[in-house]
N, C-alpha and C. Protein backbone atom coordinates (compact mmCIF):
# COMPACT_ATOMS: atom_id res chain seq x y z
N MET A 1 0.85 -1.18 0.00
CA MET A 1 0.00 0.00 0.00
C MET A 1 0.89 1.23 0.00
N PHE A 2 0.72 2.09 -0.96
CA PHE A 2 1.42 3.37 -0.95
C PHE A 2 0.59 4.36 -0.16
N VAL A 3 1.21 5.03 0.76
CA VAL A 3 0.51 5.95 1.64
C VAL A 3 0.58 7.34 1.04
N GLY A 4 -0.57 7.96 0.86
CA GLY A 4 -0.64 9.33 0.34
C GLY A 4 -0.73 10.31 1.48
N ALA A 5 -1.57 11.30 1.32
CA ALA A 5 -1.72 12.33 2.34
C ALA A 5 -2.27 11.74 3.63
N THR A 6 -3.25 10.84 3.51
CA THR A 6 -3.85 10.21 4.68
C THR A 6 -4.21 8.78 4.31
N ALA A 7 -3.94 7.85 5.19
CA ALA A 7 -4.31 6.46 4.94
C ALA A 7 -4.57 5.76 6.26
N GLU A 8 -5.56 4.92 6.27
CA GLU A 8 -5.84 4.09 7.44
C GLU A 8 -5.35 2.69 7.13
N MET A 9 -4.58 2.12 8.06
CA MET A 9 -4.00 0.80 7.83
C MET A 9 -4.45 -0.14 8.94
N SER A 10 -4.59 -1.40 8.58
CA SER A 10 -4.99 -2.41 9.56
C SER A 10 -3.77 -3.23 9.98
N ALA A 11 -3.93 -4.03 11.01
CA ALA A 11 -2.84 -4.88 11.51
C ALA A 11 -2.33 -5.78 10.40
N GLY A 12 -1.01 -5.94 10.36
CA GLY A 12 -0.39 -6.82 9.39
C GLY A 12 -0.22 -6.21 8.01
N SER A 13 -0.53 -4.93 7.85
CA SER A 13 -0.39 -4.31 6.53
C SER A 13 0.94 -3.58 6.41
N LEU A 14 1.29 -3.25 5.18
CA LEU A 14 2.56 -2.60 4.88
C LEU A 14 2.28 -1.30 4.17
N GLY A 15 2.89 -0.23 4.63
CA GLY A 15 2.76 1.06 3.96
C GLY A 15 4.13 1.48 3.45
N LEU A 16 4.17 1.99 2.23
CA LEU A 16 5.42 2.45 1.65
C LEU A 16 5.37 3.96 1.47
N TYR A 17 6.35 4.62 2.01
CA TYR A 17 6.45 6.07 1.86
C TYR A 17 7.28 6.31 0.62
N PRO A 18 6.77 7.03 -0.36
CA PRO A 18 7.47 7.16 -1.64
C PRO A 18 8.88 7.72 -1.50
N PRO A 19 9.84 7.19 -2.26
CA PRO A 19 11.21 7.71 -2.23
C PRO A 19 11.23 9.19 -2.61
N GLY A 20 12.06 9.93 -1.96
CA GLY A 20 12.20 11.34 -2.27
C GLY A 20 11.13 12.21 -1.67
N ALA A 21 10.21 11.63 -0.92
CA ALA A 21 9.16 12.43 -0.31
C ALA A 21 9.77 13.34 0.76
N ASP A 22 9.48 14.61 0.66
CA ASP A 22 10.04 15.58 1.61
C ASP A 22 9.10 15.88 2.75
N ALA A 23 7.90 15.35 2.71
CA ALA A 23 6.90 15.65 3.74
C ALA A 23 7.21 14.89 5.02
N GLU A 24 6.68 15.38 6.09
CA GLU A 24 6.84 14.75 7.40
C GLU A 24 5.95 13.52 7.47
N LEU A 25 6.44 12.46 8.08
CA LEU A 25 5.67 11.24 8.28
C LEU A 25 5.05 11.31 9.66
N VAL A 26 3.72 11.28 9.73
CA VAL A 26 2.99 11.36 11.00
C VAL A 26 2.18 10.08 11.17
N LEU A 27 2.36 9.42 12.31
CA LEU A 27 1.64 8.19 12.61
C LEU A 27 0.72 8.43 13.79
N GLU A 28 -0.49 7.92 13.71
CA GLU A 28 -1.45 8.05 14.80
C GLU A 28 -2.05 6.68 15.09
N ALA A 29 -1.96 6.25 16.35
CA ALA A 29 -2.47 4.93 16.74
C ALA A 29 -3.97 4.99 16.94
N GLY A 30 -4.61 3.85 16.76
CA GLY A 30 -6.04 3.73 17.03
C GLY A 30 -6.28 3.55 18.51
N PRO A 31 -7.51 3.29 18.91
CA PRO A 31 -7.84 3.18 20.33
C PRO A 31 -7.11 2.04 21.05
N ASP A 32 -6.68 1.02 20.31
CA ASP A 32 -5.97 -0.11 20.93
C ASP A 32 -4.45 0.06 20.90
N GLY A 33 -3.98 1.21 20.44
CA GLY A 33 -2.54 1.44 20.35
C GLY A 33 -1.99 0.88 19.05
N ALA A 34 -0.68 0.90 18.93
CA ALA A 34 -0.06 0.42 17.71
C ALA A 34 1.39 0.02 17.97
N ALA A 35 1.87 -0.90 17.17
CA ALA A 35 3.29 -1.25 17.13
C ALA A 35 3.72 -1.01 15.69
N VAL A 36 4.77 -0.23 15.52
CA VAL A 36 5.17 0.19 14.17
C VAL A 36 6.67 -0.04 14.00
N LEU A 37 7.04 -0.53 12.84
CA LEU A 37 8.44 -0.67 12.48
C LEU A 37 8.66 0.21 11.25
N VAL A 38 9.52 1.21 11.39
CA VAL A 38 9.81 2.12 10.29
C VAL A 38 11.25 1.87 9.85
N LEU A 39 11.42 1.55 8.58
CA LEU A 39 12.74 1.27 8.03
C LEU A 39 13.04 2.27 6.92
N THR A 40 14.28 2.59 6.76
CA THR A 40 14.69 3.47 5.68
C THR A 40 15.99 2.96 5.08
N GLY A 41 16.21 3.28 3.84
CA GLY A 41 17.44 2.86 3.19
C GLY A 41 17.45 3.25 1.74
N ARG A 42 18.58 3.05 1.11
CA ARG A 42 18.74 3.32 -0.31
C ARG A 42 18.68 2.01 -1.07
N PRO A 43 18.18 2.03 -2.30
CA PRO A 43 18.15 0.79 -3.09
C PRO A 43 19.56 0.21 -3.26
N LEU A 44 19.67 -1.10 -3.19
CA LEU A 44 20.96 -1.77 -3.32
C LEU A 44 21.46 -1.79 -4.76
N SER A 45 20.56 -1.78 -5.70
CA SER A 45 20.91 -1.92 -7.12
C SER A 45 21.74 -3.17 -7.37
N GLU A 46 21.38 -4.24 -6.67
CA GLU A 46 22.04 -5.54 -6.81
C GLU A 46 20.97 -6.61 -6.97
N PRO A 47 21.32 -7.75 -7.56
CA PRO A 47 20.34 -8.84 -7.65
C PRO A 47 20.00 -9.35 -6.26
N VAL A 48 18.77 -9.83 -6.12
CA VAL A 48 18.31 -10.37 -4.84
C VAL A 48 17.65 -11.72 -5.11
N VAL A 49 18.08 -12.74 -4.35
CA VAL A 49 17.52 -14.08 -4.47
C VAL A 49 17.02 -14.50 -3.10
N GLN A 50 15.79 -15.00 -3.02
CA GLN A 50 15.23 -15.43 -1.74
C GLN A 50 14.86 -16.90 -1.81
N HIS A 51 15.12 -17.60 -0.72
CA HIS A 51 14.66 -18.97 -0.54
C HIS A 51 14.36 -19.13 0.94
N GLY A 52 13.09 -19.26 1.30
CA GLY A 52 12.70 -19.31 2.71
C GLY A 52 13.14 -18.04 3.40
N PRO A 53 13.79 -18.17 4.55
CA PRO A 53 14.21 -16.97 5.27
C PRO A 53 15.52 -16.36 4.74
N PHE A 54 16.14 -17.01 3.78
CA PHE A 54 17.43 -16.55 3.28
C PHE A 54 17.24 -15.60 2.11
N VAL A 55 17.88 -14.45 2.18
CA VAL A 55 17.85 -13.47 1.10
C VAL A 55 19.29 -13.04 0.85
N ILE A 56 19.80 -13.42 -0.31
CA ILE A 56 21.20 -13.16 -0.65
C ILE A 56 21.25 -12.74 -2.12
N ASN A 57 22.42 -12.51 -2.67
CA ASN A 57 22.56 -11.97 -4.02
C ASN A 57 22.51 -13.00 -5.15
N THR A 58 22.91 -14.24 -4.91
CA THR A 58 22.91 -15.23 -5.99
C THR A 58 22.29 -16.54 -5.52
N GLN A 59 21.84 -17.33 -6.49
CA GLN A 59 21.26 -18.63 -6.18
C GLN A 59 22.30 -19.52 -5.49
N ASP A 60 23.55 -19.48 -5.93
CA ASP A 60 24.60 -20.29 -5.31
C ASP A 60 24.79 -19.92 -3.84
N GLU A 61 24.75 -18.61 -3.52
CA GLU A 61 24.90 -18.17 -2.13
C GLU A 61 23.72 -18.63 -1.28
N VAL A 62 22.51 -18.61 -1.84
CA VAL A 62 21.33 -19.08 -1.11
C VAL A 62 21.47 -20.56 -0.82
N LEU A 63 21.87 -21.34 -1.81
CA LEU A 63 22.03 -22.78 -1.60
C LEU A 63 23.12 -23.07 -0.56
N ALA A 64 24.20 -22.30 -0.57
CA ALA A 64 25.25 -22.47 0.43
C ALA A 64 24.72 -22.13 1.82
N ALA A 65 23.91 -21.10 1.94
CA ALA A 65 23.33 -20.73 3.24
C ALA A 65 22.40 -21.83 3.74
N VAL A 66 21.62 -22.42 2.85
CA VAL A 66 20.73 -23.53 3.24
C VAL A 66 21.56 -24.71 3.72
N ARG A 67 22.63 -25.04 3.00
CA ARG A 67 23.50 -26.16 3.43
C ARG A 67 24.14 -25.86 4.79
N ASP A 68 24.62 -24.62 4.98
CA ASP A 68 25.21 -24.24 6.26
C ASP A 68 24.18 -24.35 7.39
N TYR A 69 22.96 -23.93 7.12
CA TYR A 69 21.90 -24.01 8.14
C TYR A 69 21.62 -25.48 8.49
N GLN A 70 21.48 -26.31 7.46
CA GLN A 70 21.19 -27.73 7.69
C GLN A 70 22.34 -28.41 8.44
N ALA A 71 23.55 -27.94 8.25
CA ALA A 71 24.71 -28.54 8.93
C ALA A 71 24.95 -27.93 10.30
N GLY A 72 24.14 -26.94 10.68
CA GLY A 72 24.28 -26.33 12.00
C GLY A 72 25.40 -25.31 12.07
N ARG A 73 25.82 -24.79 10.92
CA ARG A 73 26.92 -23.81 10.91
C ARG A 73 26.47 -22.35 11.00
N LEU A 74 25.16 -22.11 11.02
CA LEU A 74 24.66 -20.74 11.15
C LEU A 74 24.29 -20.50 12.61
N ILE A 75 25.21 -19.91 13.33
CA ILE A 75 25.01 -19.68 14.77
C ILE A 75 25.10 -18.18 15.01
N ALA A 76 24.11 -17.66 15.72
CA ALA A 76 24.10 -16.21 16.01
C ALA A 76 25.09 -15.86 17.09
């Protein structure tokens, strides 16, 4: 959902603030309150490959991450 001047959003929805927007972002919670995650960043301009929870740049890297996970080598 692209958010314009005003938008009402429900739980579990995603709002995108257009790139280059100079306006202030104002959030208002409903009567039950709200939990909000606001992220910002610049486009990577790189390929993106996803498989399950893994998001990496190439199919080979994704497959290596899956093998590492299955072998127990991905430890936080």
